[in-house]
Amino acid sequence: MNHVLILSDTHHIVKSLSLLIRTEPFLHVLDATRDVVRNINHLPDNSVIIVDMNLENMETLIKQFSGKYRIVLYSGSLEIIDIPIHLQTTDCRYFNAYTSPEDIIKILLGCV
């Protein structure tokens, strides 16, 4: 089972992704409570962290956790210029609001 932590300041993104993730029995959503975020270095090894590209500290989060956890970047649009740079310089995956739910699940499971 993979654990998924969603880091976003936008409530509807967290809610929508959480509902989707809960449809897959091999994925478990970790609630981004203060305790979890404060102890983020102690997540289970098989954790995936979804990082909203609109977070102000996105770059710091990617650098801090990309070696320890799988990082998946999320964007609500197609028009973020920095996406290719992040994908080339890190081992991150990416999806946006237009990615099919099936493909999002595959990305989170590590199939893509």
PDB file of N, CA and C in Angstrom:
ATOM      1  N   MET A   1       0.843  -1.185   0.000  1.00  0.00           N
ATOM      2  CA  MET A   1       0.000   0.000   0.000  1.00  0.00           C
ATOM      3  C   MET A   1       0.881   1.239   0.000  1.00  0.00           C
ATOM      4  N   ASN A   2       0.553   2.176  -0.873  1.00  0.00           N
ATOM      5  CA  ASN A   2       1.239   3.464  -0.910  1.00  0.00           C
ATOM      6  C   ASN A   2       0.444   4.487  -0.110  1.00  0.00           C
ATOM      7  N   HIS A   3       1.140   5.290   0.647  1.00  0.00           N
ATOM      8  CA  HIS A   3       0.527   6.380   1.389  1.00  0.00           C
ATOM      9  C   HIS A   3       0.714   7.653   0.578  1.00  0.00           C
ATOM     10  N   VAL A   4      -0.344   8.467   0.510  1.00  0.00           N
ATOM     11  CA  VAL A   4      -0.301   9.686  -0.293  1.00  0.00           C
ATOM     12  C   VAL A   4      -0.584  10.884   0.603  1.00  0.00           C
ATOM     13  N   LEU A   5       0.309  11.856   0.552  1.00  0.00           N
ATOM     14  CA  LEU A   5       0.143  13.105   1.277  1.00  0.00           C
ATOM     15  C   LEU A   5      -0.037  14.215   0.241  1.00  0.00           C
ATOM     16  N   ILE A   6      -1.098  14.990   0.363  1.00  0.00           N
ATOM     17  CA  ILE A   6      -1.394  16.071  -0.570  1.00  0.00           C
ATOM     18  C   ILE A   6      -1.054  17.389   0.107  1.00  0.00           C
ATOM     19  N   LEU A   7      -0.113  18.121  -0.476  1.00  0.00           N
ATOM     20  CA  LEU A   7       0.276  19.416   0.059  1.00  0.00           C
ATOM     21  C   LEU A   7      -0.240  20.507  -0.870  1.00  0.00           C
ATOM     22  N   SER A   8      -1.286  21.176  -0.440  1.00  0.00           N
ATOM     23  CA  SER A   8      -1.891  22.258  -1.200  1.00  0.00           C
ATOM     24  C   SER A   8      -2.595  23.196  -0.241  1.00  0.00           C
ATOM     25  N   ASP A   9      -2.606  24.470  -0.585  1.00  0.00           N
ATOM     26  CA  ASP A   9      -3.341  25.451   0.206  1.00  0.00           C
ATOM     27  C   ASP A   9      -4.786  25.580  -0.253  1.00  0.00           C
ATOM     28  N   THR A  10      -5.147  24.874  -1.312  1.00  0.00           N
ATOM     29  CA  THR A  10      -6.480  24.980  -1.888  1.00  0.00           C
ATOM     30  C   THR A  10      -7.330  23.790  -1.446  1.00  0.00           C
ATOM     31  N   HIS A  11      -8.337  24.068  -0.645  1.00  0.00           N
ATOM     32  CA  HIS A  11      -9.157  23.016  -0.043  1.00  0.00           C
ATOM     33  C   HIS A  11      -9.820  22.117  -1.088  1.00  0.00           C
ATOM     34  N   HIS A  12     -10.356  22.687  -2.161  1.00  0.00           N
ATOM     35  CA  HIS A  12     -11.065  21.842  -3.128  1.00  0.00           C
ATOM     36  C   HIS A  12     -10.119  20.911  -3.880  1.00  0.00           C
ATOM     37  N   ILE A  13      -8.859  21.281  -4.027  1.00  0.00           N
ATOM     38  CA  ILE A  13      -7.887  20.378  -4.640  1.00  0.00           C
ATOM     39  C   ILE A  13      -7.639  19.190  -3.723  1.00  0.00           C
ATOM     40  N   VAL A  14      -7.419  19.461  -2.455  1.00  0.00           N
ATOM     41  CA  VAL A  14      -7.186  18.392  -1.481  1.00  0.00           C
ATOM     42  C   VAL A  14      -8.400  17.464  -1.416  1.00  0.00           C
ATOM     43  N   LYS A  15      -9.576  18.031  -1.362  1.00  0.00           N
ATOM     44  CA  LYS A  15     -10.792  17.228  -1.259  1.00  0.00           C
ATOM     45  C   LYS A  15     -11.000  16.368  -2.506  1.00  0.00           C
ATOM     46  N   SER A  16     -10.866  16.954  -3.679  1.00  0.00           N
ATOM     47  CA  SER A  16     -11.072  16.214  -4.927  1.00  0.00           C
ATOM     48  C   SER A  16     -10.060  15.085  -5.085  1.00  0.00           C
ATOM     49  N   LEU A  17      -8.793  15.388  -4.851  1.00  0.00           N
ATOM     50  CA  LEU A  17      -7.767  14.353  -4.979  1.00  0.00           C
ATOM     51  C   LEU A  17      -7.934  13.269  -3.928  1.00  0.00           C
ATOM     52  N   SER A  18      -8.314  13.658  -2.721  1.00  0.00           N
ATOM     53  CA  SER A  18      -8.535  12.662  -1.656  1.00  0.00           C
ATOM     54  C   SER A  18      -9.653  11.698  -2.029  1.00  0.00           C
ATOM     55  N   LEU A  19     -10.730  12.230  -2.574  1.00  0.00           N
ATOM     56  CA  LEU A  19     -11.846  11.373  -2.998  1.00  0.00           C
ATOM     57  C   LEU A  19     -11.414  10.409  -4.098  1.00  0.00           C
ATOM     58  N   LEU A  20     -10.644  10.891  -5.048  1.00  0.00           N
ATOM     59  CA  LEU A  20     -10.152  10.028  -6.119  1.00  0.00           C
ATOM     60  C   LEU A  20      -9.236   8.944  -5.567  1.00  0.00           C
ATOM     61  N   ILE A  21      -8.309   9.329  -4.729  1.00  0.00           N
ATOM     62  CA  ILE A  21      -7.326   8.388  -4.183  1.00  0.00           C
ATOM     63  C   ILE A  21      -8.015   7.290  -3.364  1.00  0.00           C
ATOM     64  N   ARG A  22      -9.052   7.650  -2.653  1.00  0.00           N
ATOM     65  CA  ARG A  22      -9.757   6.665  -1.825  1.00  0.00           C
ATOM     66  C   ARG A  22     -10.498   5.601  -2.644  1.00  0.00           C
ATOM     67  N   THR A  23     -10.625   5.814  -3.950  1.00  0.00           N
ATOM     68  CA  THR A  23     -11.265   4.795  -4.796  1.00  0.00           C
ATOM     69  C   THR A  23     -10.313   3.646  -5.108  1.00  0.00           C
ATOM     70  N   GLU A  24      -9.032   3.851  -4.879  1.00  0.00           N
ATOM     71  CA  GLU A  24      -8.033   2.822  -5.176  1.00  0.00           C
ATOM     72  C   GLU A  24      -7.627   2.128  -3.871  1.00  0.00           C
ATOM     73  N   PRO A  25      -7.875   0.814  -3.764  1.00  0.00           N
ATOM     74  CA  PRO A  25      -7.595   0.108  -2.501  1.00  0.00           C
ATOM     75  C   PRO A  25      -6.105   0.045  -2.134  1.00  0.00           C
ATOM     76  N   PHE A  26      -5.209   0.253  -3.090  1.00  0.00           N
ATOM     77  CA  PHE A  26      -3.776   0.186  -2.798  1.00  0.00           C
ATOM     78  C   PHE A  26      -3.186   1.532  -2.411  1.00  0.00           C
ATOM     79  N   LEU A  27      -4.045   2.557  -2.289  1.00  0.00           N
ATOM     80  CA  LEU A  27      -3.589   3.886  -1.890  1.00  0.00           C
ATOM     81  C   LEU A  27      -4.298   4.315  -0.617  1.00  0.00           C
ATOM     82  N   HIS A  28      -3.568   4.990   0.240  1.00  0.00           N
ATOM     83  CA  HIS A  28      -4.127   5.490   1.497  1.00  0.00           C
ATOM     84  C   HIS A  28      -3.769   6.969   1.629  1.00  0.00           C
ATOM     85  N   VAL A  29      -4.775   7.799   1.843  1.00  0.00           N
ATOM     86  CA  VAL A  29      -4.549   9.238   1.979  1.00  0.00           C
ATOM     87  C   VAL A  29      -4.125   9.560   3.403  1.00  0.00           C
ATOM     88  N   LEU A  30      -3.020  10.269   3.518  1.00  0.00           N
ATOM     89  CA  LEU A  30      -2.593  10.782   4.822  1.00  0.00           C
ATOM     90  C   LEU A  30      -3.121  12.203   4.945  1.00  0.00           C
ATOM     91  N   ASP A  31      -3.844  12.480   6.004  1.00  0.00           N
ATOM     92  CA  ASP A  31      -4.357  13.826   6.206  1.00  0.00           C
ATOM     93  C   ASP A  31      -3.201  14.757   6.548  1.00  0.00           C
ATOM     94  N   ALA A  32      -3.162  15.888   5.885  1.00  0.00           N
ATOM     95  CA  ALA A  32      -2.066  16.850   6.084  1.00  0.00           C
ATOM     96  C   ALA A  32      -2.302  17.684   7.339  1.00  0.00           C
ATOM     97  N   THR A  33      -2.376  17.009   8.466  1.00  0.00           N
ATOM     98  CA  THR A  33      -2.518  17.707   9.736  1.00  0.00           C
ATOM     99  C   THR A  33      -1.162  18.302  10.104  1.00  0.00           C
ATOM    100  N   ARG A  34      -1.161  19.185  11.067  1.00  0.00           N
ATOM    101  CA  ARG A  34       0.103  19.794  11.490  1.00  0.00           C
ATOM    102  C   ARG A  34       1.101  18.752  11.960  1.00  0.00           C
ATOM    103  N   ASP A  35       0.613  17.699  12.661  1.00  0.00           N
ATOM    104  CA  ASP A  35       1.523  16.664  13.152  1.00  0.00           C
ATOM    105  C   ASP A  35       2.191  15.925  12.004  1.00  0.00           C
ATOM    106  N   VAL A  36       1.419  15.599  10.973  1.00  0.00           N
ATOM    107  CA  VAL A  36       1.983  14.882   9.832  1.00  0.00           C
ATOM    108  C   VAL A  36       2.987  15.764   9.101  1.00  0.00           C
ATOM    109  N   VAL A  37       2.623  17.005   8.852  1.00  0.00           N
ATOM    110  CA  VAL A  37       3.514  17.911   8.128  1.00  0.00           C
ATOM    111  C   VAL A  37       4.767  18.197   8.947  1.00  0.00           C
ATOM    112  N   ARG A  38       4.621  18.351  10.245  1.00  0.00           N
ATOM    113  CA  ARG A  38       5.780  18.605  11.118  1.00  0.00           C
ATOM    114  C   ARG A  38       6.719  17.402  11.136  1.00  0.00           C
ATOM    115  N   ASN A  39       6.163  16.196  11.044  1.00  0.00           N
ATOM    116  CA  ASN A  39       6.957  14.971  11.082  1.00  0.00           C
ATOM    117  C   ASN A  39       7.071  14.340   9.695  1.00  0.00           C
ATOM    118  N   ILE A  40       7.096  15.175   8.672  1.00  0.00           N
ATOM    119  CA  ILE A  40       7.073  14.675   7.304  1.00  0.00           C
ATOM    120  C   ILE A  40       8.287  13.807   6.983  1.00  0.00           C
ATOM    121  N   ASN A  41       9.384  13.976   7.685  1.00  0.00           N
ATOM    122  CA  ASN A  41      10.555  13.130   7.474  1.00  0.00           C
ATOM    123  C   ASN A  41      10.356  11.713   8.002  1.00  0.00           C
ATOM    124  N   HIS A  42       9.259  11.477   8.700  1.00  0.00           N
ATOM    125  CA  HIS A  42       9.003  10.167   9.287  1.00  0.00           C
ATOM    126  C   HIS A  42       7.800   9.475   8.661  1.00  0.00           C
ATOM    127  N   LEU A  43       7.465   9.851   7.439  1.00  0.00           N
ATOM    128  CA  LEU A  43       6.388   9.158   6.730  1.00  0.00           C
ATOM    129  C   LEU A  43       6.851   7.748   6.382  1.00  0.00           C
ATOM    130  N   PRO A  44       5.908   6.840   6.146  1.00  0.00           N
ATOM    131  CA  PRO A  44       6.316   5.499   5.686  1.00  0.00           C
ATOM    132  C   PRO A  44       7.146   5.610   4.399  1.00  0.00           C
ATOM    133  N   ASP A  45       8.082   4.682   4.221  1.00  0.00           N
ATOM    134  CA  ASP A  45       8.969   4.723   3.062  1.00  0.00           C
ATOM    135  C   ASP A  45       8.228   4.686   1.732  1.00  0.00           C
ATOM    136  N   ASN A  46       7.085   4.066   1.684  1.00  0.00           N
ATOM    137  CA  ASN A  46       6.329   3.946   0.442  1.00  0.00           C
ATOM    138  C   ASN A  46       5.335   5.098   0.277  1.00  0.00           C
ATOM    139  N   SER A  47       5.715   6.270   0.707  1.00  0.00           N
ATOM    140  CA  SER A  47       4.833   7.438   0.607  1.00  0.00           C
ATOM    141  C   SER A  47       5.074   8.204  -0.679  1.00  0.00           C
ATOM    142  N   VAL A  48       4.001   8.789  -1.159  1.00  0.00           N
ATOM    143  CA  VAL A  48       4.028   9.666  -2.319  1.00  0.00           C
ATOM    144  C   VAL A  48       3.525  11.022  -1.833  1.00  0.00           C
ATOM    145  N   ILE A  49       4.235  12.078  -2.181  1.00  0.00           N
ATOM    146  CA  ILE A  49       3.817  13.418  -1.786  1.00  0.00           C
ATOM    147  C   ILE A  49       3.397  14.175  -3.041  1.00  0.00           C
ATOM    148  N   ILE A  50       2.129  14.587  -3.069  1.00  0.00           N
ATOM    149  CA  ILE A  50       1.642  15.428  -4.155  1.00  0.00           C
ATOM    150  C   ILE A  50       1.870  16.869  -3.730  1.00  0.00           C
ATOM    151  N   VAL A  51       2.612  17.611  -4.551  1.00  0.00           N
ATOM    152  CA  VAL A  51       2.931  18.999  -4.246  1.00  0.00           C
ATOM    153  C   VAL A  51       2.235  19.892  -5.263  1.00  0.00           C
ATOM    154  N   ASP A  52       1.351  20.731  -4.777  1.00  0.00           N
ATOM    155  CA  ASP A  52       0.674  21.710  -5.620  1.00  0.00           C
ATOM    156  C   ASP A  52       1.713  22.727  -6.077  1.00  0.00           C
ATOM    157  N   MET A  53       1.815  22.952  -7.371  1.00  0.00           N
ATOM    158  CA  MET A  53       2.825  23.866  -7.896  1.00  0.00           C
ATOM    159  C   MET A  53       2.537  25.319  -7.567  1.00  0.00           C
ATOM    160  N   ASN A  54       1.391  25.601  -6.958  1.00  0.00           N
ATOM    161  CA  ASN A  54       1.077  26.962  -6.527  1.00  0.00           C
ATOM    162  C   ASN A  54       1.555  27.263  -5.109  1.00  0.00           C
ATOM    163  N   LEU A  55       2.104  26.285  -4.420  1.00  0.00           N
ATOM    164  CA  LEU A  55       2.638  26.526  -3.081  1.00  0.00           C
ATOM    165  C   LEU A  55       3.871  27.411  -3.178  1.00  0.00           C
ATOM    166  N   GLU A  56       3.966  28.359  -2.278  1.00  0.00           N
ATOM    167  CA  GLU A  56       5.112  29.275  -2.286  1.00  0.00           C
ATOM    168  C   GLU A  56       6.435  28.556  -2.025  1.00  0.00           C
ATOM    169  N   ASN A  57       6.415  27.531  -1.193  1.00  0.00           N
ATOM    170  CA  ASN A  57       7.639  26.819  -0.842  1.00  0.00           C
ATOM    171  C   ASN A  57       7.799  25.521  -1.635  1.00  0.00           C
ATOM    172  N   MET A  58       7.200  25.453  -2.813  1.00  0.00           N
ATOM    173  CA  MET A  58       7.235  24.248  -3.630  1.00  0.00           C
ATOM    174  C   MET A  58       8.665  23.798  -3.924  1.00  0.00           C
ATOM    175  N   GLU A  59       9.515  24.702  -4.332  1.00  0.00           N
ATOM    176  CA  GLU A  59      10.903  24.361  -4.681  1.00  0.00           C
ATOM    177  C   GLU A  59      11.630  23.740  -3.488  1.00  0.00           C
ATOM    178  N   THR A  60      11.431  24.314  -2.318  1.00  0.00           N
ATOM    179  CA  THR A  60      12.057  23.802  -1.100  1.00  0.00           C
ATOM    180  C   THR A  60      11.561  22.393  -0.791  1.00  0.00           C
ATOM    181  N   LEU A  61      10.262  22.167  -0.916  1.00  0.00           N
ATOM    182  CA  LEU A  61       9.702  20.844  -0.655  1.00  0.00           C
ATOM    183  C   LEU A  61      10.255  19.801  -1.620  1.00  0.00           C
ATOM    184  N   ILE A  62      10.363  20.163  -2.879  1.00  0.00           N
ATOM    185  CA  ILE A  62      10.897  19.225  -3.867  1.00  0.00           C
ATOM    186  C   ILE A  62      12.332  18.849  -3.516  1.00  0.00           C
ATOM    187  N   LYS A  63      13.145  19.831  -3.221  1.00  0.00           N
ATOM    188  CA  LYS A  63      14.545  19.566  -2.883  1.00  0.00           C
ATOM    189  C   LYS A  63      14.674  18.752  -1.601  1.00  0.00           C
ATOM    190  N   GLN A  64      13.830  19.067  -0.629  1.00  0.00           N
ATOM    191  CA  GLN A  64      13.923  18.421   0.680  1.00  0.00           C
ATOM    192  C   GLN A  64      13.506  16.952   0.641  1.00  0.00           C
ATOM    193  N   PHE A  65      12.511  16.600  -0.169  1.00  0.00           N
ATOM    194  CA  PHE A  65      11.939  15.253  -0.086  1.00  0.00           C
ATOM    195  C   PHE A  65      12.111  14.393  -1.309  1.00  0.00           C
ATOM    196  N   SER A  66      12.658  14.924  -2.400  1.00  0.00           N
ATOM    197  CA  SER A  66      12.729  14.129  -3.627  1.00  0.00           C
ATOM    198  C   SER A  66      13.646  12.923  -3.499  1.00  0.00           C
ATOM    199  N   GLY A  67      14.617  12.939  -2.641  1.00  0.00           N
ATOM    200  CA  GLY A  67      15.482  11.785  -2.465  1.00  0.00           C
ATOM    201  C   GLY A  67      14.889  10.702  -1.584  1.00  0.00           C
ATOM    202  N   LYS A  68      13.956  11.092  -0.732  1.00  0.00           N
ATOM    203  CA  LYS A  68      13.406  10.142   0.238  1.00  0.00           C
ATOM    204  C   LYS A  68      12.036   9.598  -0.168  1.00  0.00           C
ATOM    205  N   TYR A  69      11.215  10.431  -0.782  1.00  0.00           N
ATOM    206  CA  TYR A  69       9.860  10.039  -1.176  1.00  0.00           C
ATOM    207  C   TYR A  69       9.640  10.324  -2.647  1.00  0.00           C
ATOM    208  N   ARG A  70       8.672   9.633  -3.226  1.00  0.00           N
ATOM    209  CA  ARG A  70       8.291   9.957  -4.596  1.00  0.00           C
ATOM    210  C   ARG A  70       7.485  11.251  -4.559  1.00  0.00           C
ATOM    211  N   ILE A  71       7.859  12.189  -5.395  1.00  0.00           N
ATOM    212  CA  ILE A  71       7.177  13.476  -5.473  1.00  0.00           C
ATOM    213  C   ILE A  71       6.396  13.523  -6.783  1.00  0.00           C
ATOM    214  N   VAL A  72       5.149  13.943  -6.682  1.00  0.00           N
ATOM    215  CA  VAL A  72       4.317  14.142  -7.862  1.00  0.00           C
ATOM    216  C   VAL A  72       3.842  15.582  -7.826  1.00  0.00           C
ATOM    217  N   LEU A  73       4.133  16.307  -8.887  1.00  0.00           N
ATOM    218  CA  LEU A  73       3.723  17.707  -8.981  1.00  0.00           C
ATOM    219  C   LEU A  73       2.317  17.791  -9.548  1.00  0.00           C
ATOM    220  N   TYR A  74       1.546  18.739  -9.037  1.00  0.00           N
ATOM    221  CA  TYR A  74       0.183  18.965  -9.522  1.00  0.00           C
ATOM    222  C   TYR A  74       0.031  20.419  -9.935  1.00  0.00           C
ATOM    223  N   SER A  75      -0.621  20.622 -11.072  1.00  0.00           N
ATOM    224  CA  SER A  75      -0.932  21.970 -11.524  1.00  0.00           C
ATOM    225  C   SER A  75      -2.387  22.009 -11.963  1.00  0.00           C
ATOM    226  N   GLY A  76      -3.042  23.106 -11.673  1.00  0.00           N
ATOM    227  CA  GLY A  76      -4.422  23.282 -12.091  1.00  0.00           C
ATOM    228  C   GLY A  76      -4.549  23.740 -13.529  1.00  0.00           C
ATOM    229  N   SER A  77      -3.422  23.985 -14.185  1.00  0.00           N
ATOM    230  CA  SER A  77      -3.481  24.453 -15.572  1.00  0.00           C
ATOM    231  C   SER A  77      -2.407  23.773 -16.402  1.00  0.00           C
ATOM    232  N   LEU A  78      -2.445  24.058 -17.689  1.00  0.00           N
ATOM    233  CA  LEU A  78      -1.422  23.551 -18.604  1.00  0.00           C
ATOM    234  C   LEU A  78      -0.293  24.550 -18.791  1.00  0.00           C
ATOM    235  N   GLU A  79      -0.459  25.750 -18.278  1.00  0.00           N
ATOM    236  CA  GLU A  79       0.417  26.863 -18.629  1.00  0.00           C
ATOM    237  C   GLU A  79       1.444  27.220 -17.562  1.00  0.00           C
ATOM    238  N   ILE A  80       2.134  26.271 -17.021  1.00  0.00           N
ATOM    239  CA  ILE A  80       3.195  26.594 -16.066  1.00  0.00           C
ATOM    240  C   ILE A  80       4.527  26.335 -16.755  1.00  0.00           C
ATOM    241  N   ILE A  81       5.270  27.377 -16.949  1.00  0.00           N
ATOM    242  CA  ILE A  81       6.509  27.318 -17.713  1.00  0.00           C
ATOM    243  C   ILE A  81       7.575  26.479 -17.012  1.00  0.00           C
ATOM    244  N   ASP A  82       7.584  26.459 -15.704  1.00  0.00           N
ATOM    245  CA  ASP A  82       8.631  25.776 -14.948  1.00  0.00           C
ATOM    246  C   ASP A  82       8.514  24.253 -14.948  1.00  0.00           C
ATOM    247  N   ILE A  83       7.434  23.694 -15.419  1.00  0.00           N
ATOM    248  CA  ILE A  83       7.230  22.243 -15.336  1.00  0.00           C
ATOM    249  C   ILE A  83       8.371  21.465 -15.982  1.00  0.00           C
ATOM    250  N   PRO A  84       8.753  21.762 -17.225  1.00  0.00           N
ATOM    251  CA  PRO A  84       9.857  20.977 -17.818  1.00  0.00           C
ATOM    252  C   PRO A  84      11.155  21.066 -17.018  1.00  0.00           C
ATOM    253  N   ILE A  85      11.440  22.214 -16.442  1.00  0.00           N
ATOM    254  CA  ILE A  85      12.659  22.376 -15.650  1.00  0.00           C
ATOM    255  C   ILE A  85      12.624  21.452 -14.433  1.00  0.00           C
ATOM    256  N   HIS A  86      11.502  21.419 -13.731  1.00  0.00           N
ATOM    257  CA  HIS A  86      11.380  20.562 -12.545  1.00  0.00           C
ATOM    258  C   HIS A  86      11.439  19.080 -12.911  1.00  0.00           C
ATOM    259  N   LEU A  87      10.847  18.721 -14.021  1.00  0.00           N
ATOM    260  CA  LEU A  87      10.836  17.318 -14.415  1.00  0.00           C
ATOM    261  C   LEU A  87      12.222  16.858 -14.875  1.00  0.00           C
ATOM    262  N   GLN A  88      13.010  17.742 -15.449  1.00  0.00           N
ATOM    263  CA  GLN A  88      14.348  17.381 -15.903  1.00  0.00           C
ATOM    264  C   GLN A  88      15.358  17.349 -14.765  1.00  0.00           C
ATOM    265  N   THR A  89      15.192  18.197 -13.767  1.00  0.00           N
ATOM    266  CA  THR A  89      16.186  18.299 -12.706  1.00  0.00           C
ATOM    267  C   THR A  89      15.885  17.421 -11.498  1.00  0.00           C
ATOM    268  N   THR A  90      14.701  16.847 -11.443  1.00  0.00           N
ATOM    269  CA  THR A  90      14.332  15.972 -10.329  1.00  0.00           C
ATOM    270  C   THR A  90      13.739  14.688 -10.879  1.00  0.00           C
ATOM    271  N   ASP A  91      13.409  13.794  -9.993  1.00  0.00           N
ATOM    272  CA  ASP A  91      12.783  12.539 -10.395  1.00  0.00           C
ATOM    273  C   ASP A  91      11.280  12.608 -10.141  1.00  0.00           C
ATOM    274  N   CYS A  92      10.693  13.763 -10.379  1.00  0.00           N
ATOM    275  CA  CYS A  92       9.271  13.973 -10.112  1.00  0.00           C
ATOM    276  C   CYS A  92       8.408  13.499 -11.275  1.00  0.00           C
ATOM    277  N   ARG A  93       7.206  13.132 -10.957  1.00  0.00           N
ATOM    278  CA  ARG A  93       6.166  12.895 -11.957  1.00  0.00           C
ATOM    279  C   ARG A  93       5.261  14.115 -11.912  1.00  0.00           C
ATOM    280  N   TYR A  94       4.308  14.165 -12.854  1.00  0.00           N
ATOM    281  CA  TYR A  94       3.463  15.350 -12.959  1.00  0.00           C
ATOM    282  C   TYR A  94       2.089  14.982 -13.489  1.00  0.00           C
ATOM    283  N   PHE A  95       1.058  15.662 -12.962  1.00  0.00           N
ATOM    284  CA  PHE A  95      -0.263  15.620 -13.578  1.00  0.00           C
ATOM    285  C   PHE A  95      -0.920  16.962 -13.359  1.00  0.00           C
ATOM    286  N   ASN A  96      -1.951  17.240 -14.162  1.00  0.00           N
ATOM    287  CA  ASN A  96      -2.664  18.498 -13.998  1.00  0.00           C
ATOM    288  C   ASN A  96      -4.165  18.228 -13.944  1.00  0.00           C
ATOM    289  N   ALA A  97      -4.939  19.283 -13.894  1.00  0.00           N
ATOM    290  CA  ALA A  97      -6.386  19.157 -13.751  1.00  0.00           C
ATOM    291  C   ALA A  97      -7.028  18.460 -14.942  1.00  0.00           C
ATOM    292  N   TYR A  98      -6.309  18.337 -16.047  1.00  0.00           N
ATOM    293  CA  TYR A  98      -6.848  17.722 -17.251  1.00  0.00           C
ATOM    294  C   TYR A  98      -6.428  16.269 -17.420  1.00  0.00           C
ATOM    295  N   THR A  99      -5.627  15.759 -16.515  1.00  0.00           N
ATOM    296  CA  THR A  99      -5.194  14.367 -16.562  1.00  0.00           C
ATOM    297  C   THR A  99      -6.358  13.472 -16.149  1.00  0.00           C
ATOM    298  N   SER A 100      -6.526  12.369 -16.844  1.00  0.00           N
ATOM    299  CA  SER A 100      -7.647  11.469 -16.529  1.00  0.00           C
ATOM    300  C   SER A 100      -7.448  10.844 -15.146  1.00  0.00           C
ATOM    301  N   PRO A 101      -8.537  10.564 -14.452  1.00  0.00           N
ATOM    302  CA  PRO A 101      -8.424   9.928 -13.126  1.00  0.00           C
ATOM    303  C   PRO A 101      -7.655   8.609 -13.172  1.00  0.00           C
ATOM    304  N   GLU A 102      -7.836   7.836 -14.221  1.00  0.00           N
ATOM    305  CA  GLU A 102      -7.122   6.565 -14.352  1.00  0.00           C
ATOM    306  C   GLU A 102      -5.614   6.788 -14.421  1.00  0.00           C
ATOM    307  N   ASP A 103      -5.206   7.805 -15.184  1.00  0.00           N
ATOM    308  CA  ASP A 103      -3.774   8.099 -15.300  1.00  0.00           C
ATOM    309  C   ASP A 103      -3.203   8.645 -13.996  1.00  0.00           C
ATOM    310  N   ILE A 104      -3.981   9.424 -13.265  1.00  0.00           N
ATOM    311  CA  ILE A 104      -3.522   9.914 -11.964  1.00  0.00           C
ATOM    312  C   ILE A 104      -3.246   8.748 -11.027  1.00  0.00           C
ATOM    313  N   ILE A 105      -4.147   7.790 -10.985  1.00  0.00           N
ATOM    314  CA  ILE A 105      -3.961   6.601 -10.134  1.00  0.00           C
ATOM    315  C   ILE A 105      -2.702   5.849 -10.562  1.00  0.00           C
ATOM    316  N   LYS A 106      -2.500   5.677 -11.850  1.00  0.00           N
ATOM    317  CA  LYS A 106      -1.297   4.981 -12.344  1.00  0.00           C
ATOM    318  C   LYS A 106      -0.028   5.707 -11.915  1.00  0.00           C
ATOM    319  N   ILE A 107      -0.045   7.030 -11.997  1.00  0.00           N
ATOM    320  CA  ILE A 107       1.123   7.821 -11.579  1.00  0.00           C
ATOM    321  C   ILE A 107       1.389   7.616 -10.088  1.00  0.00           C
ATOM    322  N   LEU A 108       0.339   7.658  -9.285  1.00  0.00           N
ATOM    323  CA  LEU A 108       0.501   7.510  -7.833  1.00  0.00           C
ATOM    324  C   LEU A 108       0.956   6.104  -7.445  1.00  0.00           C
ATOM    325  N   LEU A 109       0.545   5.110  -8.207  1.00  0.00           N
ATOM    326  CA  LEU A 109       0.969   3.727  -7.945  1.00  0.00           C
ATOM    327  C   LEU A 109       2.371   3.449  -8.463  1.00  0.00           C
ATOM    328  N   GLY A 110       2.924   4.384  -9.251  1.00  0.00           N
ATOM    329  CA  GLY A 110       4.250   4.194  -9.791  1.00  0.00           C
ATOM    330  C   GLY A 110       4.276   3.384 -11.073  1.00  0.00           C
ATOM    331  N   CYS A 111       3.135   3.247 -11.723  1.00  0.00           N
ATOM    332  CA  CYS A 111       3.051   2.482 -12.973  1.00  0.00           C
ATOM    333  C   CYS A 111       3.487   3.285 -14.183  1.00  0.00           C
ATOM    334  N   VAL A 112       3.564   4.586 -14.035  1.00  0.00           N
ATOM    335  CA  VAL A 112       3.932   5.456 -15.172  1.00  0.00           C
ATOM    336  C   VAL A 112       5.189   6.208 -14.815  1.00  0.00           C
TER     337      VAL A 112
END
